[in-house]
Amino acid sequence: MADPLRGKDKAPTFHDEERGPAGALAAMLVETKSVMPAAGATGMSLMLVVAAMCFLATLALGAALSVGGKAREWTNDLSGSLTVEIKPSREMEPEEQIDAVMGVLAETSGIVSATPLSRDDTAALLEPWLGGEVLADDLPLPRLVDIRIEGSAPPDLSALAMEVAAAAPGASLDTHRQWQSEIVNAARSAEWLAYAVLALVAATTVAIVVFATRAGLSANRDVVEVLHLIGARDNFIASEVQRHFLHLGFRGGVIGAGLGAAAFLLLGLAGATGDLYLVSASGIGPEYLPALAVIPFAAALVAVLAARLTVFQTLESML
């Protein structure tokens, strides 16, 4: 026999209005009055907590995208370039060494361009590491030749390395393979760390919503019982609760994502004179902004799903 208090076999007395996409977006922005009153645990304080979680999620996602993009940019640059390092030798003058190496490079297919760097250019590259005062005029510096190769038809690097070494004493070919491998490994580690933080933030948000939903239902137990007495089903109660969390999650997500975007903007302004570690000077590229815009919608979806599942589980234990 069906329980008349639960109203399982009766026609539902309450209905949610059908909304289109515009109505669903309006429901996120403007919270309508609900039969279920909001408890203190689901009010402004909870929205600020969700905003803080979304702020951290925005930082984690933006950092992962920026690091990955920067690493791919550096990898592409390194994969299309080579460097010949020519150390000072007593057997040949520096200019003779460069001429010998340039002759080998001119006869090698697959090389787009080869540009010798002057001593001033080499000193400028070493200045951030050694300082300008250390680089005296009598300090023997290696000469460098910057080489650009064709990506579709690169030269035989092993053969080129032997020819360069044979052409001039102290000359060696650097393919940047070691640097490329280290950059890829470091970028992957940073990306996985950022995504792990993002997953942790999402799990924490779910736990917070579950706690707040249970607290709200417990505080409004009398209201839930009255709703059941007048014929409301669990689906109606769940829809009333999840509508509140939809609004709360979306507003908190907008605030958190906005603060995260502002943080990246400040990071870009602070690094306007150069790059900051693996993050570009612009803070985050404009191509990644649509991904950050997903944060508020993801927060609203997570809050709604967590609240709905928690409502059904809590109602089963309450009645």
C-alpha atoms as a PDB file:
ATOM      1  CA  MET A   1       0.000   0.000   0.000  1.00  0.00           C
ATOM      2  CA  ALA A   2       1.401   3.340  -0.953  1.00  0.00           C
ATOM      3  CA  ASP A   3       2.244   5.840   1.761  1.00  0.00           C
ATOM      4  CA  PRO A   4      -0.206   8.759   1.401  1.00  0.00           C
ATOM      5  CA  LEU A   5       2.309  11.112   2.977  1.00  0.00           C
ATOM      6  CA  ARG A   6       4.813  10.464   0.236  1.00  0.00           C
ATOM      7  CA  GLY A   7       2.281  10.843  -2.536  1.00  0.00           C
ATOM      8  CA  LYS A   8       3.950   8.187  -4.679  1.00  0.00           C
ATOM      9  CA  ASP A   9       0.755   7.102  -6.431  1.00  0.00           C
ATOM     10  CA  LYS A  10      -0.840  10.510  -6.681  1.00  0.00           C
ATOM     11  CA  ALA A  11      -0.498  12.974  -9.474  1.00  0.00           C
ATOM     12  CA  PRO A  12       2.144  15.569  -8.685  1.00  0.00           C
ATOM     13  CA  THR A  13       0.765  18.767  -7.298  1.00  0.00           C
ATOM     14  CA  PHE A  14       3.831  20.873  -8.133  1.00  0.00           C
ATOM     15  CA  HIS A  15       5.479  21.276 -11.510  1.00  0.00           C
ATOM     16  CA  ASP A  16       8.589  23.003 -12.765  1.00  0.00           C
ATOM     17  CA  GLU A  17       7.968  25.393 -15.582  1.00  0.00           C
ATOM     18  CA  GLU A  18       9.541  24.290 -18.856  1.00  0.00           C
ATOM     19  CA  ARG A  19      12.314  26.638 -19.812  1.00  0.00           C
ATOM     20  CA  GLY A  20      14.212  27.065 -23.020  1.00  0.00           C
ATOM     21  CA  PRO A  21      17.921  27.973 -23.236  1.00  0.00           C
ATOM     22  CA  ALA A  22      17.176  31.628 -22.518  1.00  0.00           C
ATOM     23  CA  GLY A  23      15.098  30.710 -19.496  1.00  0.00           C
ATOM     24  CA  ALA A  24      17.799  28.376 -18.194  1.00  0.00           C
ATOM     25  CA  LEU A  25      20.407  31.131 -18.453  1.00  0.00           C
ATOM     26  CA  ALA A  26      18.045  33.558 -16.742  1.00  0.00           C
ATOM     27  CA  ALA A  27      17.594  31.057 -13.929  1.00  0.00           C
ATOM     28  CA  MET A  28      21.339  31.068 -13.388  1.00  0.00           C
ATOM     29  CA  LEU A  29      21.523  34.841 -13.220  1.00  0.00           C
ATOM     30  CA  VAL A  30      18.375  35.631 -11.244  1.00  0.00           C
ATOM     31  CA  GLU A  31      17.278  33.379  -8.422  1.00  0.00           C
ATOM     32  CA  THR A  32      13.518  33.059  -8.176  1.00  0.00           C
ATOM     33  CA  LYS A  33      11.679  32.479  -4.956  1.00  0.00           C
ATOM     34  CA  SER A  34      11.651  28.860  -3.859  1.00  0.00           C
ATOM     35  CA  VAL A  35       9.282  26.873  -1.684  1.00  0.00           C
ATOM     36  CA  MET A  36      12.346  25.627   0.158  1.00  0.00           C
ATOM     37  CA  PRO A  37      13.824  28.483   2.225  1.00  0.00           C
ATOM     38  CA  ALA A  38      17.612  28.809   2.042  1.00  0.00           C
ATOM     39  CA  ALA A  39      19.374  27.883   5.266  1.00  0.00           C
ATOM     40  CA  GLY A  40      22.321  29.891   6.507  1.00  0.00           C
ATOM     41  CA  ALA A  41      24.752  27.247   5.229  1.00  0.00           C
ATOM     42  CA  THR A  42      23.524  27.788   1.655  1.00  0.00           C
ATOM     43  CA  GLY A  43      23.576  31.571   1.596  1.00  0.00           C
ATOM     44  CA  MET A  44      26.184  34.216   0.912  1.00  0.00           C
ATOM     45  CA  SER A  45      28.955  32.440   2.831  1.00  0.00           C
ATOM     46  CA  LEU A  46      28.629  29.335   0.668  1.00  0.00           C
ATOM     47  CA  MET A  47      28.650  31.411  -2.514  1.00  0.00           C
ATOM     48  CA  LEU A  48      31.919  33.010  -1.421  1.00  0.00           C
ATOM     49  CA  VAL A  49      33.395  29.572  -0.773  1.00  0.00           C
ATOM     50  CA  VAL A  50      32.321  28.430  -4.253  1.00  0.00           C
ATOM     51  CA  ALA A  51      33.794  31.626  -5.691  1.00  0.00           C
ATOM     52  CA  ALA A  52      37.100  30.878  -3.961  1.00  0.00           C
ATOM     53  CA  MET A  53      37.086  27.323  -5.352  1.00  0.00           C
ATOM     54  CA  CYS A  54      36.355  28.629  -8.851  1.00  0.00           C
ATOM     55  CA  PHE A  55      39.146  31.191  -8.490  1.00  0.00           C
ATOM     56  CA  LEU A  56      41.602  28.385  -7.704  1.00  0.00           C
ATOM     57  CA  ALA A  57      40.187  26.300 -10.551  1.00  0.00           C
ATOM     58  CA  THR A  58      40.660  29.207 -12.960  1.00  0.00           C
ATOM     59  CA  LEU A  59      44.267  29.653 -11.871  1.00  0.00           C
ATOM     60  CA  ALA A  60      44.974  25.933 -12.202  1.00  0.00           C
ATOM     61  CA  LEU A  61      43.346  25.625 -15.627  1.00  0.00           C
ATOM     62  CA  GLY A  62      44.927  28.824 -16.930  1.00  0.00           C
ATOM     63  CA  ALA A  63      48.360  27.778 -15.676  1.00  0.00           C
ATOM     64  CA  ALA A  64      48.050  24.346 -17.294  1.00  0.00           C
ATOM     65  CA  LEU A  65      47.020  25.829 -20.642  1.00  0.00           C
ATOM     66  CA  SER A  66      49.704  28.535 -20.534  1.00  0.00           C
ATOM     67  CA  VAL A  67      52.503  26.161 -19.593  1.00  0.00           C
ATOM     68  CA  GLY A  68      51.446  23.651 -22.221  1.00  0.00           C
ATOM     69  CA  GLY A  69      51.231  26.296 -24.931  1.00  0.00           C
ATOM     70  CA  LYS A  70      54.559  27.852 -23.991  1.00  0.00           C
ATOM     71  CA  ALA A  71      56.276  24.466 -23.933  1.00  0.00           C
ATOM     72  CA  ARG A  72      54.897  23.598 -27.371  1.00  0.00           C
ATOM     73  CA  GLU A  73      56.096  26.952 -28.685  1.00  0.00           C
ATOM     74  CA  TRP A  74      59.608  26.405 -27.326  1.00  0.00           C
ATOM     75  CA  THR A  75      59.664  22.825 -28.590  1.00  0.00           C
ATOM     76  CA  ASN A  76      58.702  23.916 -32.102  1.00  0.00           C
ATOM     77  CA  ASP A  77      61.414  26.582 -32.050  1.00  0.00           C
ATOM     78  CA  LEU A  78      64.063  24.112 -30.891  1.00  0.00           C
ATOM     79  CA  SER A  79      63.015  21.372 -33.304  1.00  0.00           C
ATOM     80  CA  GLY A  80      63.504  23.735 -36.251  1.00  0.00           C
ATOM     81  CA  SER A  81      66.892  25.115 -35.222  1.00  0.00           C
ATOM     82  CA  LEU A  82      70.464  23.995 -34.630  1.00  0.00           C
ATOM     83  CA  THR A  83      73.492  25.718 -33.172  1.00  0.00           C
ATOM     84  CA  VAL A  84      77.167  25.337 -34.028  1.00  0.00           C
ATOM     85  CA  GLU A  85      79.449  26.181 -31.121  1.00  0.00           C
ATOM     86  CA  ILE A  86      82.984  27.149 -32.085  1.00  0.00           C
ATOM     87  CA  LYS A  87      85.442  27.274 -29.204  1.00  0.00           C
ATOM     88  CA  PRO A  88      88.681  29.270 -29.494  1.00  0.00           C
ATOM     89  CA  SER A  89      91.569  27.233 -30.940  1.00  0.00           C
ATOM     90  CA  ARG A  90      95.284  27.828 -31.399  1.00  0.00           C
ATOM     91  CA  GLU A  91      95.218  26.075 -34.759  1.00  0.00           C
ATOM     92  CA  MET A  92      92.885  28.521 -36.513  1.00  0.00           C
ATOM     93  CA  GLU A  93      91.722  32.082 -36.082  1.00  0.00           C
ATOM     94  CA  PRO A  94      88.067  32.589 -35.095  1.00  0.00           C
ATOM     95  CA  GLU A  95      87.131  34.063 -38.456  1.00  0.00           C
ATOM     96  CA  GLU A  96      88.794  31.151 -40.268  1.00  0.00           C
ATOM     97  CA  GLN A  97      86.849  28.715 -38.114  1.00  0.00           C
ATOM     98  CA  ILE A  98      83.573  30.447 -38.948  1.00  0.00           C
ATOM     99  CA  ASP A  99      84.386  30.506 -42.670  1.00  0.00           C
ATOM    100  CA  ALA A 100      85.163  26.782 -42.644  1.00  0.00           C
ATOM    101  CA  VAL A 101      81.922  25.951 -40.827  1.00  0.00           C
ATOM    102  CA  MET A 102      79.872  28.230 -43.084  1.00  0.00           C
ATOM    103  CA  GLY A 103      81.343  26.461 -46.105  1.00  0.00           C
ATOM    104  CA  VAL A 104      80.136  23.106 -44.818  1.00  0.00           C
ATOM    105  CA  LEU A 105      76.689  24.493 -44.039  1.00  0.00           C
ATOM    106  CA  ALA A 106      76.369  26.074 -47.482  1.00  0.00           C
ATOM    107  CA  GLU A 107      76.878  22.680 -49.125  1.00  0.00           C
ATOM    108  CA  THR A 108      74.423  20.847 -46.863  1.00  0.00           C
ATOM    109  CA  SER A 109      70.880  20.341 -48.092  1.00  0.00           C
ATOM    110  CA  GLY A 110      67.975  20.916 -45.713  1.00  0.00           C
ATOM    111  CA  ILE A 111      69.414  24.097 -44.186  1.00  0.00           C
ATOM    112  CA  VAL A 112      67.313  27.189 -44.692  1.00  0.00           C
ATOM    113  CA  SER A 113      69.686  29.738 -43.187  1.00  0.00           C
ATOM    114  CA  ALA A 114      72.901  29.959 -41.159  1.00  0.00           C
ATOM    115  CA  THR A 115      73.724  33.168 -39.273  1.00  0.00           C
ATOM    116  CA  PRO A 116      77.002  33.676 -37.362  1.00  0.00           C
ATOM    117  CA  LEU A 117      76.560  35.589 -34.116  1.00  0.00           C
ATOM    118  CA  SER A 118      78.996  38.332 -33.275  1.00  0.00           C
ATOM    119  CA  ARG A 119      80.907  38.451 -30.005  1.00  0.00           C
ATOM    120  CA  ASP A 120      78.526  41.121 -28.721  1.00  0.00           C
ATOM    121  CA  ASP A 121      75.545  38.878 -29.484  1.00  0.00           C
ATOM    122  CA  THR A 122      77.143  35.989 -27.600  1.00  0.00           C
ATOM    123  CA  ALA A 123      77.971  38.251 -24.654  1.00  0.00           C
ATOM    124  CA  ALA A 124      74.344  39.433 -24.568  1.00  0.00           C
ATOM    125  CA  LEU A 125      73.204  35.810 -24.323  1.00  0.00           C
ATOM    126  CA  LEU A 126      75.562  35.108 -21.421  1.00  0.00           C
ATOM    127  CA  GLU A 127      75.014  38.365 -19.538  1.00  0.00           C
ATOM    128  CA  PRO A 128      71.865  37.192 -17.646  1.00  0.00           C
ATOM    129  CA  TRP A 129      73.865  34.216 -16.337  1.00  0.00           C
ATOM    130  CA  LEU A 130      77.340  35.676 -15.761  1.00  0.00           C
ATOM    131  CA  GLY A 131      76.654  39.394 -15.465  1.00  0.00           C
ATOM    132  CA  GLY A 132      78.002  42.205 -17.579  1.00  0.00           C
ATOM    133  CA  GLU A 133      81.050  42.879 -15.389  1.00  0.00           C
ATOM    134  CA  VAL A 134      82.358  39.330 -15.729  1.00  0.00           C
ATOM    135  CA  LEU A 135      82.316  39.435 -19.525  1.00  0.00           C
ATOM    136  CA  ALA A 136      85.569  41.300 -20.051  1.00  0.00           C
ATOM    137  CA  ASP A 137      87.012  41.880 -23.497  1.00  0.00           C
ATOM    138  CA  ASP A 138      89.837  39.417 -22.912  1.00  0.00           C
ATOM    139  CA  LEU A 139      87.489  36.588 -21.844  1.00  0.00           C
ATOM    140  CA  PRO A 140      87.527  33.892 -24.563  1.00  0.00           C
ATOM    141  CA  LEU A 141      83.950  33.352 -25.673  1.00  0.00           C
ATOM    142  CA  PRO A 142      82.801  30.678 -28.102  1.00  0.00           C
ATOM    143  CA  ARG A 143      81.387  31.809 -31.414  1.00  0.00           C
ATOM    144  CA  LEU A 144      77.903  30.628 -32.313  1.00  0.00           C
ATOM    145  CA  VAL A 145      76.181  29.984 -35.619  1.00  0.00           C
ATOM    146  CA  ASP A 146      72.378  29.949 -35.581  1.00  0.00           C
ATOM    147  CA  ILE A 147      70.972  27.454 -38.102  1.00  0.00           C
ATOM    148  CA  ARG A 148      67.402  27.086 -39.328  1.00  0.00           C
ATOM    149  CA  ILE A 149      66.465  23.790 -40.945  1.00  0.00           C
ATOM    150  CA  GLU A 150      63.558  22.580 -43.046  1.00  0.00           C
ATOM    151  CA  GLY A 151      61.024  20.689 -40.977  1.00  0.00           C
ATOM    152  CA  SER A 152      59.851  18.516 -43.864  1.00  0.00           C
ATOM    153  CA  ALA A 153      63.362  17.609 -45.141  1.00  0.00           C
ATOM    154  CA  PRO A 154      65.926  18.084 -42.331  1.00  0.00           C
ATOM    155  CA  PRO A 155      69.605  17.311 -42.914  1.00  0.00           C
ATOM    156  CA  ASP A 156      71.349  14.203 -41.609  1.00  0.00           C
ATOM    157  CA  LEU A 157      72.354  15.489 -38.177  1.00  0.00           C
ATOM    158  CA  SER A 158      74.908  12.774 -37.455  1.00  0.00           C
ATOM    159  CA  ALA A 159      76.718  13.338 -40.731  1.00  0.00           C
ATOM    160  CA  LEU A 160      76.521  17.108 -40.326  1.00  0.00           C
ATOM    161  CA  ALA A 161      78.001  16.905 -36.819  1.00  0.00           C
ATOM    162  CA  MET A 162      81.011  14.962 -38.133  1.00  0.00           C
ATOM    163  CA  GLU A 163      81.522  17.323 -41.066  1.00  0.00           C
ATOM    164  CA  VAL A 164      81.380  20.399 -38.796  1.00  0.00           C
ATOM    165  CA  ALA A 165      83.861  18.868 -36.349  1.00  0.00           C
ATOM    166  CA  ALA A 166      86.212  17.968 -39.191  1.00  0.00           C
ATOM    167  CA  ALA A 167      85.979  21.400 -40.841  1.00  0.00           C
ATOM    168  CA  ALA A 168      87.219  23.448 -37.888  1.00  0.00           C
ATOM    169  CA  PRO A 169      88.915  22.522 -34.606  1.00  0.00           C
ATOM    170  CA  GLY A 170      86.728  23.228 -31.592  1.00  0.00           C
ATOM    171  CA  ALA A 171      83.499  23.233 -33.624  1.00  0.00           C
ATOM    172  CA  SER A 172      80.563  21.101 -32.461  1.00  0.00           C
ATOM    173  CA  LEU A 173      76.910  20.785 -33.458  1.00  0.00           C
ATOM    174  CA  ASP A 174      74.211  21.224 -30.807  1.00  0.00           C
ATOM    175  CA  THR A 175      70.853  19.735 -31.843  1.00  0.00           C
ATOM    176  CA  HIS A 176      68.999  20.941 -28.686  1.00  0.00           C
ATOM    177  CA  ARG A 177      67.561  17.448 -28.206  1.00  0.00           C
ATOM    178  CA  GLN A 178      68.493  17.388 -24.529  1.00  0.00           C
ATOM    179  CA  TRP A 179      66.900  20.800 -23.912  1.00  0.00           C
ATOM    180  CA  GLN A 180      63.809  19.779 -25.838  1.00  0.00           C
ATOM    181  CA  SER A 181      63.378  16.618 -23.771  1.00  0.00           C
ATOM    182  CA  GLU A 182      63.832  18.491 -20.496  1.00  0.00           C
ATOM    183  CA  ILE A 183      61.330  21.180 -21.496  1.00  0.00           C
ATOM    184  CA  VAL A 184      58.742  18.583 -22.491  1.00  0.00           C
ATOM    185  CA  ASN A 185      59.193  16.662 -19.229  1.00  0.00           C
ATOM    186  CA  ALA A 186      59.007  19.819 -17.116  1.00  0.00           C
ATOM    187  CA  ALA A 187      55.919  21.053 -18.975  1.00  0.00           C
ATOM    188  CA  ARG A 188      54.139  17.718 -18.627  1.00  0.00           C
ATOM    189  CA  SER A 189      54.885  17.632 -14.908  1.00  0.00           C
ATOM    190  CA  ALA A 190      53.556  21.167 -14.474  1.00  0.00           C
ATOM    191  CA  GLU A 191      50.435  20.386 -16.512  1.00  0.00           C
ATOM    192  CA  TRP A 192      49.671  17.221 -14.551  1.00  0.00           C
ATOM    193  CA  LEU A 193      50.183  19.124 -11.299  1.00  0.00           C
ATOM    194  CA  ALA A 194      47.786  21.866 -12.416  1.00  0.00           C
ATOM    195  CA  TYR A 195      45.149  19.354 -13.496  1.00  0.00           C
ATOM    196  CA  ALA A 196      45.554  17.501 -10.196  1.00  0.00           C
ATOM    197  CA  VAL A 197      44.887  20.771  -8.361  1.00  0.00           C
ATOM    198  CA  LEU A 198      41.852  21.312 -10.597  1.00  0.00           C
ATOM    199  CA  ALA A 199      40.500  17.845  -9.740  1.00  0.00           C
ATOM    200  CA  LEU A 200      41.105  18.465  -6.038  1.00  0.00           C
ATOM    201  CA  VAL A 201      39.227  21.766  -6.222  1.00  0.00           C
ATOM    202  CA  ALA A 202      36.298  20.060  -7.971  1.00  0.00           C
ATOM    203  CA  ALA A 203      36.181  17.307  -5.342  1.00  0.00           C
ATOM    204  CA  THR A 204      36.291  19.897  -2.564  1.00  0.00           C
ATOM    205  CA  THR A 205      33.447  21.831  -4.172  1.00  0.00           C
ATOM    206  CA  VAL A 206      31.337  18.674  -4.363  1.00  0.00           C
ATOM    207  CA  ALA A 207      31.989  17.955  -0.674  1.00  0.00           C
ATOM    208  CA  ILE A 208      31.006  21.508   0.274  1.00  0.00           C
ATOM    209  CA  VAL A 209      27.761  21.348  -1.719  1.00  0.00           C
ATOM    210  CA  VAL A 210      26.885  17.959  -0.217  1.00  0.00           C
ATOM    211  CA  PHE A 211      27.415  19.284   3.294  1.00  0.00           C
ATOM    212  CA  ALA A 212      25.424  22.448   2.584  1.00  0.00           C
ATOM    213  CA  THR A 213      22.555  20.478   1.029  1.00  0.00           C
ATOM    214  CA  ARG A 214      22.283  18.150   4.005  1.00  0.00           C
ATOM    215  CA  ALA A 215      22.452  21.092   6.387  1.00  0.00           C
ATOM    216  CA  GLY A 216      19.739  22.916   4.442  1.00  0.00           C
ATOM    217  CA  LEU A 217      17.407  19.909   4.383  1.00  0.00           C
ATOM    218  CA  SER A 218      18.013  19.253   8.066  1.00  0.00           C
ATOM    219  CA  ALA A 219      17.264  22.885   8.941  1.00  0.00           C
ATOM    220  CA  ASN A 220      14.074  22.772   6.835  1.00  0.00           C
ATOM    221  CA  ARG A 221      12.897  19.333   7.883  1.00  0.00           C
ATOM    222  CA  ASP A 222       9.482  20.668   8.837  1.00  0.00           C
ATOM    223  CA  VAL A 223       9.054  22.245   5.423  1.00  0.00           C
ATOM    224  CA  VAL A 224       9.975  18.955   3.739  1.00  0.00           C
ATOM    225  CA  GLU A 225       7.410  17.075   5.808  1.00  0.00           C
ATOM    226  CA  VAL A 226       4.683  19.613   4.987  1.00  0.00           C
ATOM    227  CA  LEU A 227       5.487  19.372   1.283  1.00  0.00           C
ATOM    228  CA  HIS A 228       5.132  15.612   1.428  1.00  0.00           C
ATOM    229  CA  LEU A 229       1.832  15.935   3.266  1.00  0.00           C
ATOM    230  CA  ILE A 230       0.320  18.116   0.550  1.00  0.00           C
ATOM    231  CA  GLY A 231       1.443  15.761  -2.224  1.00  0.00           C
ATOM    232  CA  ALA A 232       4.877  16.933  -3.335  1.00  0.00           C
ATOM    233  CA  ARG A 233       7.192  14.250  -4.626  1.00  0.00           C
ATOM    234  CA  ASP A 234      10.905  13.929  -4.091  1.00  0.00           C
ATOM    235  CA  ASN A 235      11.559  15.164  -7.630  1.00  0.00           C
ATOM    236  CA  PHE A 236       9.835  18.450  -6.845  1.00  0.00           C
ATOM    237  CA  ILE A 237      11.833  18.957  -3.638  1.00  0.00           C
ATOM    238  CA  ALA A 238      15.045  18.085  -5.475  1.00  0.00           C
ATOM    239  CA  SER A 239      14.232  20.560  -8.253  1.00  0.00           C
ATOM    240  CA  GLU A 240      13.613  23.325  -5.704  1.00  0.00           C
ATOM    241  CA  VAL A 241      16.938  22.661  -3.957  1.00  0.00           C
ATOM    242  CA  GLN A 242      18.966  22.236  -7.130  1.00  0.00           C
ATOM    243  CA  ARG A 243      17.548  25.468  -8.569  1.00  0.00           C
ATOM    244  CA  HIS A 244      18.979  27.295  -5.564  1.00  0.00           C
ATOM    245  CA  PHE A 245      22.369  25.647  -6.031  1.00  0.00           C
ATOM    246  CA  LEU A 246      22.286  26.327  -9.786  1.00  0.00           C
ATOM    247  CA  HIS A 247      22.012  30.028  -9.075  1.00  0.00           C
ATOM    248  CA  LEU A 248      24.563  29.884  -6.256  1.00  0.00           C
ATOM    249  CA  GLY A 249      27.105  27.853  -8.231  1.00  0.00           C
ATOM    250  CA  PHE A 250      26.869  30.016 -11.330  1.00  0.00           C
ATOM    251  CA  ARG A 251      27.192  33.302  -9.469  1.00  0.00           C
ATOM    252  CA  GLY A 252      30.114  31.958  -7.440  1.00  0.00           C
ATOM    253  CA  GLY A 253      31.687  30.670 -10.654  1.00  0.00           C
ATOM    254  CA  VAL A 254      31.356  34.058 -12.360  1.00  0.00           C
ATOM    255  CA  ILE A 255      32.975  35.800  -9.390  1.00  0.00           C
ATOM    256  CA  GLY A 256      35.805  33.259  -9.129  1.00  0.00           C
ATOM    257  CA  ALA A 257      36.483  33.150 -12.867  1.00  0.00           C
ATOM    258  CA  GLY A 258      36.446  36.952 -13.016  1.00  0.00           C
ATOM    259  CA  LEU A 259      38.981  37.190 -10.205  1.00  0.00           C
ATOM    260  CA  GLY A 260      41.120  34.543 -11.891  1.00  0.00           C
ATOM    261  CA  ALA A 261      41.077  36.428 -15.196  1.00  0.00           C
ATOM    262  CA  ALA A 262      42.030  39.598 -13.331  1.00  0.00           C
ATOM    263  CA  ALA A 263      44.924  37.743 -11.693  1.00  0.00           C
ATOM    264  CA  PHE A 264      46.232  36.671 -15.104  1.00  0.00           C
ATOM    265  CA  LEU A 265      45.865  40.249 -16.329  1.00  0.00           C
ATOM    266  CA  LEU A 266      47.948  41.512 -13.404  1.00  0.00           C
ATOM    267  CA  LEU A 267      50.476  38.764 -14.082  1.00  0.00           C
ATOM    268  CA  GLY A 268      50.709  39.962 -17.669  1.00  0.00           C
ATOM    269  CA  LEU A 269      51.236  43.555 -16.571  1.00  0.00           C
ATOM    270  CA  ALA A 270      53.907  42.493 -14.084  1.00  0.00           C
ATOM    271  CA  GLY A 271      55.743  40.520 -16.756  1.00  0.00           C
ATOM    272  CA  ALA A 272      55.360  43.068 -19.534  1.00  0.00           C
ATOM    273  CA  THR A 273      59.153  43.396 -19.844  1.00  0.00           C
ATOM    274  CA  GLY A 274      59.766  39.679 -20.282  1.00  0.00           C
ATOM    275  CA  ASP A 275      58.604  36.172 -19.540  1.00  0.00           C
ATOM    276  CA  LEU A 276      57.910  34.868 -16.056  1.00  0.00           C
ATOM    277  CA  TYR A 277      59.174  31.303 -15.804  1.00  0.00           C
ATOM    278  CA  LEU A 278      57.068  29.144 -18.146  1.00  0.00           C
ATOM    279  CA  VAL A 279      54.131  31.582 -18.271  1.00  0.00           C
ATOM    280  CA  SER A 280      54.054  34.027 -21.145  1.00  0.00           C
ATOM    281  CA  ALA A 281      54.300  37.733 -20.480  1.00  0.00           C
ATOM    282  CA  SER A 282      50.647  38.187 -21.453  1.00  0.00           C
ATOM    283  CA  GLY A 283      49.628  36.054 -18.472  1.00  0.00           C
ATOM    284  CA  ILE A 284      47.383  33.850 -20.607  1.00  0.00           C
ATOM    285  CA  GLY A 285      46.813  33.805 -24.331  1.00  0.00           C
ATOM    286  CA  PRO A 286      43.465  35.048 -25.693  1.00  0.00           C
ATOM    287  CA  GLU A 287      42.925  31.658 -27.322  1.00  0.00           C
ATOM    288  CA  TYR A 288      42.530  30.143 -23.852  1.00  0.00           C
ATOM    289  CA  LEU A 289      39.916  32.605 -22.576  1.00  0.00           C
ATOM    290  CA  PRO A 290      36.962  30.510 -23.859  1.00  0.00           C
ATOM    291  CA  ALA A 291      38.216  27.636 -21.712  1.00  0.00           C
ATOM    292  CA  LEU A 292      38.168  29.873 -18.630  1.00  0.00           C
ATOM    293  CA  ALA A 293      34.631  30.987 -19.500  1.00  0.00           C
ATOM    294  CA  VAL A 294      33.497  27.393 -19.001  1.00  0.00           C
ATOM    295  CA  ILE A 295      34.341  27.568 -15.270  1.00  0.00           C
ATOM    296  CA  PRO A 296      31.044  29.220 -14.140  1.00  0.00           C
ATOM    297  CA  PHE A 297      28.942  26.730 -16.114  1.00  0.00           C
ATOM    298  CA  ALA A 298      30.997  23.814 -14.802  1.00  0.00           C
ATOM    299  CA  ALA A 299      30.583  25.106 -11.246  1.00  0.00           C
ATOM    300  CA  ALA A 300      26.818  25.377 -11.696  1.00  0.00           C
ATOM    301  CA  LEU A 301      26.630  21.859 -13.167  1.00  0.00           C
ATOM    302  CA  VAL A 302      28.717  20.357 -10.362  1.00  0.00           C
ATOM    303  CA  ALA A 303      26.620  22.117  -7.726  1.00  0.00           C
ATOM    304  CA  VAL A 304      23.332  20.988  -9.302  1.00  0.00           C
ATOM    305  CA  LEU A 305      24.349  17.340  -9.687  1.00  0.00           C
ATOM    306  CA  ALA A 306      25.834  17.131  -6.195  1.00  0.00           C
ATOM    307  CA  ALA A 307      22.770  18.778  -4.659  1.00  0.00           C
ATOM    308  CA  ARG A 308      20.298  16.571  -6.545  1.00  0.00           C
ATOM    309  CA  LEU A 309      22.005  13.307  -5.602  1.00  0.00           C
ATOM    310  CA  THR A 310      22.348  14.444  -2.002  1.00  0.00           C
ATOM    311  CA  VAL A 311      18.661  15.414  -1.787  1.00  0.00           C
ATOM    312  CA  PHE A 312      17.472  11.959  -2.811  1.00  0.00           C
ATOM    313  CA  GLN A 313      19.885  10.234  -0.431  1.00  0.00           C
ATOM    314  CA  THR A 314      18.925  12.522   2.458  1.00  0.00           C
ATOM    315  CA  LEU A 315      15.182  12.204   1.866  1.00  0.00           C
ATOM    316  CA  GLU A 316      15.442   8.427   2.004  1.00  0.00           C
ATOM    317  CA  SER A 317      17.013   8.667   5.449  1.00  0.00           C
ATOM    318  CA  MET A 318      14.654  11.371   6.722  1.00  0.00           C
ATOM    319  CA  LEU A 319      11.364   9.623   5.892  1.00  0.00           C
END
